[in-house]
N, C-alpha and C. Protein backbone atom coordinates (compact mmCIF):
# COMPACT_ATOMS: atom_id res chain seq x y z
N UNK A 1 56.77 -39.86 -18.66
CA UNK A 1 56.16 -39.25 -19.40
C UNK A 1 55.43 -39.93 -20.61
N UNK A 2 54.36 -39.63 -20.80
CA UNK A 2 53.59 -40.52 -22.02
C UNK A 2 52.82 -39.47 -22.81
N UNK A 3 52.87 -39.93 -24.31
CA UNK A 3 52.46 -38.99 -25.23
C UNK A 3 51.26 -39.70 -25.90
N UNK A 4 50.19 -39.16 -25.77
CA UNK A 4 49.14 -39.64 -26.49
C UNK A 4 48.26 -38.95 -27.22
N UNK A 5 47.76 -39.48 -28.38
CA UNK A 5 47.19 -39.05 -29.45
C UNK A 5 45.40 -38.91 -29.08
N UNK A 6 44.93 -37.63 -28.85
CA UNK A 6 43.14 -37.57 -28.60
C UNK A 6 42.92 -37.07 -29.56
N UNK A 7 41.29 -37.11 -29.72
CA UNK A 7 40.67 -36.35 -30.90
C UNK A 7 39.54 -35.38 -29.82
N UNK A 8 39.41 -34.33 -30.46
CA UNK A 8 38.48 -33.33 -29.74
C UNK A 8 37.40 -33.31 -30.28
N UNK A 9 36.25 -32.86 -29.47
CA UNK A 9 35.01 -32.66 -29.93
C UNK A 9 34.79 -32.42 -31.53
N UNK A 10 35.55 -31.61 -31.95
CA UNK A 10 35.39 -30.91 -33.49
C UNK A 10 36.10 -32.01 -34.31
N UNK A 11 36.54 -33.18 -33.78
CA UNK A 11 37.42 -33.79 -34.71
C UNK A 11 38.72 -33.76 -35.05
N UNK A 12 39.48 -32.79 -34.43
CA UNK A 12 40.73 -32.33 -34.55
C UNK A 12 41.63 -33.08 -33.61
N UNK A 13 42.78 -33.53 -34.11
CA UNK A 13 43.45 -34.52 -33.26
C UNK A 13 44.60 -33.65 -32.67
N UNK A 14 44.99 -34.06 -31.41
CA UNK A 14 46.30 -33.17 -30.70
C UNK A 14 47.06 -34.08 -29.85
N UNK A 15 48.19 -33.79 -29.67
CA UNK A 15 48.95 -34.53 -28.53
C UNK A 15 48.82 -33.93 -27.54
N UNK A 16 49.05 -35.21 -26.21
CA UNK A 16 48.85 -34.88 -24.91
C UNK A 16 50.22 -35.29 -24.25
N UNK A 17 50.64 -34.48 -23.70
CA UNK A 17 52.04 -34.69 -23.19
C UNK A 17 52.19 -34.86 -21.44
N UNK A 18 50.88 -34.83 -21.06
CA UNK A 18 50.83 -34.67 -19.78
C UNK A 18 51.52 -36.11 -18.92
N UNK A 19 52.45 -36.15 -17.89
CA UNK A 19 52.99 -37.22 -17.38
C UNK A 19 51.95 -38.27 -16.93
N UNK A 20 50.54 -37.65 -16.34
CA UNK A 20 49.58 -38.48 -15.80
C UNK A 20 48.42 -38.89 -16.87
N UNK A 21 48.49 -38.50 -18.19
CA UNK A 21 47.65 -38.93 -18.96
C UNK A 21 46.35 -38.05 -18.96
N UNK A 22 46.32 -36.99 -18.40
CA UNK A 22 45.21 -35.64 -18.38
C UNK A 22 45.23 -35.06 -19.59
N UNK A 23 43.76 -34.80 -20.03
CA UNK A 23 44.12 -33.93 -21.29
C UNK A 23 44.28 -32.36 -21.22
N UNK A 24 44.54 -31.56 -22.05
CA UNK A 24 44.73 -30.13 -21.51
C UNK A 24 43.79 -29.49 -20.86
N UNK A 25 42.47 -29.71 -21.74
CA UNK A 25 41.10 -29.28 -20.78
C UNK A 25 41.23 -29.95 -19.37
N UNK A 26 41.57 -30.78 -18.99
CA UNK A 26 41.48 -31.67 -17.74
C UNK A 26 42.63 -30.66 -16.91
N UNK A 27 43.72 -30.31 -17.48
CA UNK A 27 44.51 -29.57 -16.38
C UNK A 27 44.18 -28.29 -16.31
N UNK A 28 43.76 -27.59 -17.21
CA UNK A 28 43.25 -26.04 -17.22
C UNK A 28 42.05 -26.17 -16.30
N UNK A 29 40.86 -27.28 -16.23
CA UNK A 29 40.05 -27.34 -15.05
C UNK A 29 40.57 -27.48 -13.94
N UNK A 30 41.64 -28.34 -13.55
CA UNK A 30 42.32 -28.40 -12.37
C UNK A 30 43.09 -27.13 -12.01
N UNK A 31 43.45 -26.48 -12.88
CA UNK A 31 44.15 -25.30 -12.47
C UNK A 31 43.20 -24.19 -12.14
N UNK A 32 41.98 -24.16 -12.82
CA UNK A 32 41.05 -23.19 -12.30
C UNK A 32 40.56 -23.38 -11.18
N UNK A 33 40.21 -24.87 -10.82
CA UNK A 33 39.79 -25.15 -9.61
C UNK A 33 40.64 -24.76 -8.51
N UNK A 34 42.09 -24.98 -8.72
CA UNK A 34 43.09 -24.91 -7.38
C UNK A 34 42.81 -23.17 -7.19
N UNK A 35 42.96 -22.48 -8.48
CA UNK A 35 42.89 -20.94 -8.21
C UNK A 35 41.71 -20.34 -7.73
N UNK A 36 40.59 -21.14 -7.91
CA UNK A 36 39.59 -20.58 -7.05
C UNK A 36 39.18 -20.89 -5.69
N UNK A 37 39.84 -22.22 -5.32
CA UNK A 37 40.24 -22.70 -3.89
C UNK A 37 41.25 -21.74 -3.15
N UNK A 38 42.27 -21.26 -3.72
CA UNK A 38 43.08 -20.59 -2.97
C UNK A 38 42.39 -19.03 -2.96
N UNK A 39 41.66 -18.65 -4.16
CA UNK A 39 41.33 -16.99 -3.86
C UNK A 39 40.30 -17.25 -2.85
N UNK A 40 39.25 -18.24 -2.63
CA UNK A 40 38.28 -18.24 -1.49
C UNK A 40 38.95 -18.37 -0.13
N UNK A 41 40.24 -18.92 -0.09
CA UNK A 41 40.75 -19.24 1.17
C UNK A 41 41.49 -17.90 1.41
N UNK A 42 41.99 -17.26 0.53
CA UNK A 42 42.45 -15.87 0.77
C UNK A 42 41.30 -14.78 1.12
N UNK A 43 40.46 -14.82 0.60
CA UNK A 43 39.02 -13.82 1.14
C UNK A 43 38.89 -14.35 2.70
N UNK A 44 38.46 -15.63 2.85
CA UNK A 44 38.07 -15.98 3.94
C UNK A 44 39.24 -15.51 5.06
N UNK A 45 40.56 -15.78 4.91
CA UNK A 45 41.27 -15.14 5.94
C UNK A 45 41.55 -13.72 6.14
N UNK A 46 41.18 -13.07 5.00
CA UNK A 46 41.29 -11.58 4.77
C UNK A 46 40.12 -10.91 5.91
N UNK A 47 38.75 -11.72 5.79
CA UNK A 47 37.99 -11.25 6.62
C UNK A 47 37.92 -11.79 8.10
N UNK A 48 39.02 -12.52 8.49
CA UNK A 48 39.09 -12.86 9.78
C UNK A 48 39.96 -12.03 10.76
N UNK A 49 39.64 -10.54 10.61
CA UNK A 49 40.22 -9.58 11.83
C UNK A 49 39.63 -9.67 12.91
N UNK A 50 39.96 -9.70 13.99
CA UNK A 50 39.37 -9.57 15.47
C UNK A 50 38.78 -8.49 15.83
N UNK A 51 38.12 -8.37 16.45
CA UNK A 51 37.11 -7.24 16.93
C UNK A 51 38.18 -6.08 17.39
N UNK A 52 39.23 -6.72 18.20
CA UNK A 52 40.07 -5.69 18.86
C UNK A 52 41.03 -4.68 17.42
N UNK A 53 41.33 -5.90 16.67
CA UNK A 53 42.28 -5.29 15.15
C UNK A 53 41.14 -4.35 14.50
N UNK A 54 39.86 -4.50 14.18
CA UNK A 54 39.03 -3.72 13.48
C UNK A 54 38.77 -2.35 14.58
N UNK A 55 38.61 -2.18 15.57
CA UNK A 55 38.49 -1.11 16.69
C UNK A 55 39.73 -0.42 16.64
N UNK A 56 40.77 -1.01 16.75
CA UNK A 56 42.10 -0.12 16.74
C UNK A 56 42.20 0.62 15.31
N UNK A 57 41.98 -0.24 14.27
CA UNK A 57 42.10 0.55 13.06
C UNK A 57 41.08 1.77 12.80
N UNK A 58 40.15 1.67 13.47
CA UNK A 58 38.89 2.72 13.02
C UNK A 58 39.21 3.94 14.14
N UNK A 59 40.10 3.55 14.96
CA UNK A 59 40.44 4.51 16.50
C UNK A 59 40.78 6.09 15.95
N UNK A 60 41.66 6.16 15.08
CA UNK A 60 42.04 7.32 14.65
C UNK A 60 41.00 8.28 14.24
N UNK A 61 40.41 7.69 13.35
CA UNK A 61 39.31 8.49 12.77
C UNK A 61 38.13 8.96 13.95
N UNK A 62 37.93 8.04 14.84
CA UNK A 62 37.21 8.64 15.87
C UNK A 62 37.55 9.52 16.52
N UNK A 63 38.80 9.61 17.12
CA UNK A 63 39.52 10.53 17.74
C UNK A 63 39.75 11.93 16.89
N UNK A 64 39.74 11.68 15.84
CA UNK A 64 39.98 13.11 15.09
C UNK A 64 38.50 13.83 14.75
N UNK A 65 37.29 13.19 14.71
CA UNK A 65 36.13 13.50 14.45
C UNK A 65 35.61 14.07 15.68
N UNK A 66 35.73 13.49 16.85
CA UNK A 66 35.18 13.93 18.44
C UNK A 66 36.33 15.13 18.67
N UNK A 67 37.52 15.09 18.34
CA UNK A 67 38.45 16.28 18.66
C UNK A 67 37.80 17.66 17.74
N UNK A 68 37.64 17.42 16.78
CA UNK A 68 37.17 18.46 15.88
C UNK A 68 35.93 19.30 16.32
N UNK A 69 34.96 18.05 16.87
CA UNK A 69 33.71 18.91 17.37
C UNK A 69 34.16 19.34 18.68
N UNK A 70 34.77 18.94 19.48
CA UNK A 70 35.26 19.29 20.87
C UNK A 70 36.01 20.92 20.55
N UNK A 71 36.77 21.04 19.62
CA UNK A 71 37.40 21.97 19.42
C UNK A 71 36.43 23.12 19.09
N UNK A 72 35.24 22.79 18.34
CA UNK A 72 34.23 23.96 18.03
C UNK A 72 33.68 24.24 19.17
N UNK A 73 32.96 23.26 20.07
CA UNK A 73 32.07 23.47 20.94
C UNK A 73 32.73 23.90 22.23
N UNK A 74 33.99 23.56 22.46
CA UNK A 74 34.51 24.25 23.70
C UNK A 74 35.50 25.34 23.37
N UNK A 75 35.26 25.92 22.09
CA UNK A 75 36.06 27.24 21.69
C UNK A 75 37.85 26.99 21.93
N UNK A 76 38.23 25.83 21.59
CA UNK A 76 39.57 25.67 22.14
C UNK A 76 40.03 24.92 20.76
N UNK A 77 40.92 25.40 20.10
CA UNK A 77 41.71 24.70 18.95
C UNK A 77 42.61 23.62 19.41
N UNK A 78 43.03 23.91 20.87
CA UNK A 78 44.11 23.04 20.93
C UNK A 78 43.42 21.80 21.89
N UNK A 79 42.19 21.50 21.61
CA UNK A 79 41.65 20.56 22.59
C UNK A 79 41.77 19.02 22.05
N UNK A 80 42.48 18.05 22.57
CA UNK A 80 42.65 16.57 22.10
C UNK A 80 41.65 15.68 22.95
N UNK A 81 41.64 14.51 22.17
CA UNK A 81 40.58 13.58 22.31
C UNK A 81 41.56 12.32 22.87
N UNK A 82 40.70 11.59 23.70
CA UNK A 82 41.24 10.14 23.96
C UNK A 82 40.42 8.94 24.08
N UNK A 83 40.49 8.07 23.52
CA UNK A 83 39.13 6.89 23.55
C UNK A 83 39.30 6.59 25.24
N UNK A 84 38.13 6.44 25.33
CA UNK A 84 37.73 5.97 26.94
C UNK A 84 37.14 4.58 26.89
N UNK A 85 36.29 4.11 25.99
CA UNK A 85 35.87 2.70 25.86
C UNK A 85 35.38 2.76 24.34
N UNK A 86 35.66 1.51 23.77
CA UNK A 86 35.14 1.00 22.44
C UNK A 86 34.09 -0.33 22.55
N UNK A 87 33.80 -0.27 21.42
CA UNK A 87 32.60 -1.58 21.15
C UNK A 87 32.36 -1.78 19.56
N UNK A 88 32.45 -2.85 19.32
CA UNK A 88 32.05 -3.34 17.76
C UNK A 88 30.67 -3.76 17.89
N UNK A 89 29.94 -2.89 17.04
CA UNK A 89 28.29 -3.29 17.00
C UNK A 89 28.05 -4.15 15.73
N UNK A 90 27.34 -5.11 16.16
CA UNK A 90 26.99 -6.11 15.41
C UNK A 90 25.87 -5.43 14.37
N UNK A 91 25.96 -5.81 12.92
CA UNK A 91 24.51 -5.65 12.12
C UNK A 91 23.63 -6.01 12.53
N UNK A 92 22.51 -5.21 12.41
CA UNK A 92 21.12 -5.64 12.75
C UNK A 92 20.50 -6.57 11.63
N UNK A 93 20.82 -6.76 10.35
CA UNK A 93 20.54 -7.87 9.53
C UNK A 93 21.88 -8.46 9.07
N UNK A 94 21.44 -9.71 8.56
CA UNK A 94 22.89 -10.48 8.10
C UNK A 94 23.43 -9.88 6.80
N UNK A 95 24.72 -9.68 6.92
CA UNK A 95 25.34 -8.97 5.78
C UNK A 95 25.27 -7.42 5.91
N UNK A 96 24.92 -7.03 7.24
CA UNK A 96 24.68 -5.64 7.03
C UNK A 96 26.07 -4.72 7.45
N UNK A 97 25.80 -3.57 7.66
CA UNK A 97 26.70 -2.51 7.84
C UNK A 97 27.28 -2.87 9.26
N UNK A 98 28.78 -3.02 9.25
CA UNK A 98 29.33 -3.14 10.87
C UNK A 98 29.65 -1.68 11.41
N UNK A 99 29.50 -1.54 12.55
CA UNK A 99 29.76 -0.06 13.09
C UNK A 99 30.86 -0.26 14.10
N UNK A 100 31.69 0.71 14.45
CA UNK A 100 32.62 0.92 15.83
C UNK A 100 31.91 1.85 16.49
N UNK A 101 31.76 1.63 17.73
CA UNK A 101 31.29 2.64 18.82
C UNK A 101 32.45 3.11 19.73
N UNK A 102 32.60 4.23 20.27
CA UNK A 102 33.87 4.76 20.64
C UNK A 102 33.23 5.98 21.77
N UNK A 103 33.31 5.84 22.86
CA UNK A 103 33.44 7.32 23.79
C UNK A 103 34.79 7.93 23.95
N UNK A 104 34.67 9.02 23.22
CA UNK A 104 35.76 9.83 23.39
C UNK A 104 35.99 11.05 24.27
N UNK A 105 36.79 11.27 25.11
CA UNK A 105 36.90 12.20 25.99
C UNK A 105 37.62 13.44 25.62
N UNK A 106 37.30 14.59 25.27
CA UNK A 106 37.81 15.64 24.75
C UNK A 106 38.10 16.99 26.01
N UNK A 107 39.51 17.11 25.92
CA UNK A 107 39.82 18.07 27.04
C UNK A 107 40.62 19.12 26.25
N UNK A 108 40.47 20.52 27.12
CA UNK A 108 41.50 21.45 26.27
C UNK A 108 40.91 22.84 27.23
N UNK A 109 41.79 23.72 27.20
CA UNK A 109 41.73 25.11 27.45
C UNK A 109 40.71 25.09 29.10
N UNK A 110 40.97 24.07 29.89
CA UNK A 110 40.14 23.93 31.31
C UNK A 110 39.06 23.27 31.12
N UNK A 111 38.41 22.98 29.82
CA UNK A 111 36.98 22.41 29.91
C UNK A 111 37.44 20.78 29.27
N UNK A 112 36.31 20.17 29.47
CA UNK A 112 36.17 19.03 28.96
C UNK A 112 34.88 18.30 28.51
N UNK A 113 34.77 17.47 27.92
CA UNK A 113 33.57 16.87 27.39
C UNK A 113 33.59 15.46 26.95
N UNK A 114 32.45 14.85 26.65
CA UNK A 114 32.81 13.46 26.16
C UNK A 114 31.48 13.03 25.09
N UNK A 115 32.01 12.52 23.91
CA UNK A 115 31.24 12.33 22.80
C UNK A 115 30.99 10.94 22.62
N UNK A 116 30.11 10.34 21.92
CA UNK A 116 29.95 8.93 21.47
C UNK A 116 30.33 9.10 20.07
N UNK A 117 31.51 8.38 19.43
CA UNK A 117 31.50 8.34 18.09
C UNK A 117 30.89 6.99 17.38
N UNK A 118 30.31 6.97 16.29
CA UNK A 118 30.10 5.79 15.68
C UNK A 118 30.81 5.89 14.27
N UNK A 119 31.45 5.09 13.92
CA UNK A 119 32.02 4.70 12.50
C UNK A 119 31.34 3.76 12.01
N UNK A 120 31.28 3.92 10.40
CA UNK A 120 30.91 2.47 9.87
C UNK A 120 32.54 1.86 9.40
N UNK A 121 32.36 0.55 9.74
CA UNK A 121 33.88 -0.32 9.65
C UNK A 121 34.36 -0.01 8.31
N UNK A 122 35.73 0.17 8.07
CA UNK A 122 36.25 0.15 6.79
C UNK A 122 35.81 1.60 5.90
N UNK A 123 35.44 2.69 6.52
CA UNK A 123 34.80 3.70 6.00
C UNK A 123 35.44 4.95 6.82
N UNK A 124 35.38 6.01 6.23
CA UNK A 124 35.87 7.32 6.90
C UNK A 124 35.01 7.95 7.51
N UNK A 125 33.57 7.44 7.18
CA UNK A 125 32.44 8.15 7.92
C UNK A 125 32.21 8.02 9.47
N UNK A 126 32.36 8.79 10.13
CA UNK A 126 31.97 8.77 11.60
C UNK A 126 30.99 9.96 12.07
N UNK A 127 30.23 9.80 13.05
CA UNK A 127 29.32 10.68 13.57
C UNK A 127 29.66 10.69 15.02
N UNK A 128 29.99 12.11 15.74
CA UNK A 128 29.88 12.21 17.04
C UNK A 128 28.86 12.88 17.69
N UNK A 129 28.06 12.56 18.75
CA UNK A 129 27.06 13.40 19.34
C UNK A 129 27.58 13.38 20.75
N UNK A 130 27.03 14.20 21.20
CA UNK A 130 27.26 14.32 22.65
C UNK A 130 26.90 12.99 23.61
N UNK A 131 27.67 13.01 24.77
CA UNK A 131 27.67 11.85 25.59
C UNK A 131 26.44 12.06 26.65
N UNK A 132 25.87 13.19 26.69
CA UNK A 132 24.62 13.17 27.69
C UNK A 132 23.76 14.11 27.02
N UNK A 133 22.43 14.01 27.58
CA UNK A 133 21.18 14.82 27.23
C UNK A 133 21.30 15.84 27.56
N UNK A 134 21.32 16.85 26.67
CA UNK A 134 21.37 18.23 27.05
C UNK A 134 20.09 19.57 26.41
N UNK A 135 19.20 18.32 26.33
CA UNK A 135 18.12 18.67 25.93
C UNK A 135 17.23 19.83 27.04
N UNK A 136 16.84 21.07 26.61
CA UNK A 136 15.91 21.61 27.54
C UNK A 136 14.46 21.22 27.72
N UNK A 137 14.02 20.75 29.07
CA UNK A 137 12.73 20.72 29.56
C UNK A 137 12.13 21.84 29.89
N UNK A 138 10.86 21.72 29.20
CA UNK A 138 9.90 22.84 29.23
C UNK A 138 8.70 22.60 30.16
């Protein structure tokens, strides 16, 4: 370990006791650089969830939304939902909103129906629409 006397920009003298001869400013800058690098690596790894992990994390909310709509439309408070298929929709724009799409079957009281449920990823907002076109033609 070496002790060196250095002069700062303001002319004040200070001692540096770094074993490699780096000034305190250099050590602080290296520490900040390492911290930024580790933070960037952590953010990168946090954003690397697979499609299946994302779909399974959003699935419970999709089932809940479809089951509630089914309970109302089927007039059956005991109706239950099950996911029949799922798909992760890619955003239209770069850095746009990711959405998960589920086909959910709802069954209860001797009736059944299907819903297409679209959920915004990492959000509780989901929309359930009927799986078939029930429009009346005139």
